[in-house]
Amino acid sequence: MSQFQLSQRSLIRLVGVHPDLIAVVQLAIQRTDVDFTVVEGVRTLAQQREYVTKGASQTMNSYHLPQADGLGHAVDLAPLVRGVIPWNDWQSFANLARVVKDCAAVLGVPVEWGGDWKSFKDGPHFQIPRDWRGQA
């Protein structure tokens, strides 16, 4: 059991995200050895357009955008090491991904990590399928 909990800022960033993905994040914060933050949940079209323009994203078809069910199906999570995000420490992101994927498996929620992608590796990114209806 972890001593960490999601900050108010992280909770706000989860508003509009699919409840099953939120459940995975909430279980992960209880089981992690290293604190983490929710960097981003749902995006607007304008935000996504800006990310594509800057090269931070490669698609306007992002899972961060509200999907057919009206919910975002992606979150960006980042570890906090001594209160700072170690952007250049891939292992810290991989360690967090292991916890998130384990928690997703426990909950029966299919989660894909952007760090497993063959191109455009995205360490903070976690997503569930667009057509995921959930556990209900």
Foldseek 3Di string as FASTA:
>chain_A
DDPFAADPVQVVQCPQAPVLLVQLVRVLRVVDPFHKGWPHAADDLVVLVVCCVVVVDVDSPALSHQAPVRGRFKTFMATADVHHGPVPPLVRLVSSVVSSVVSCVVVVFDKDAQCPDPPPRDSRMIGGDRPDPDDD
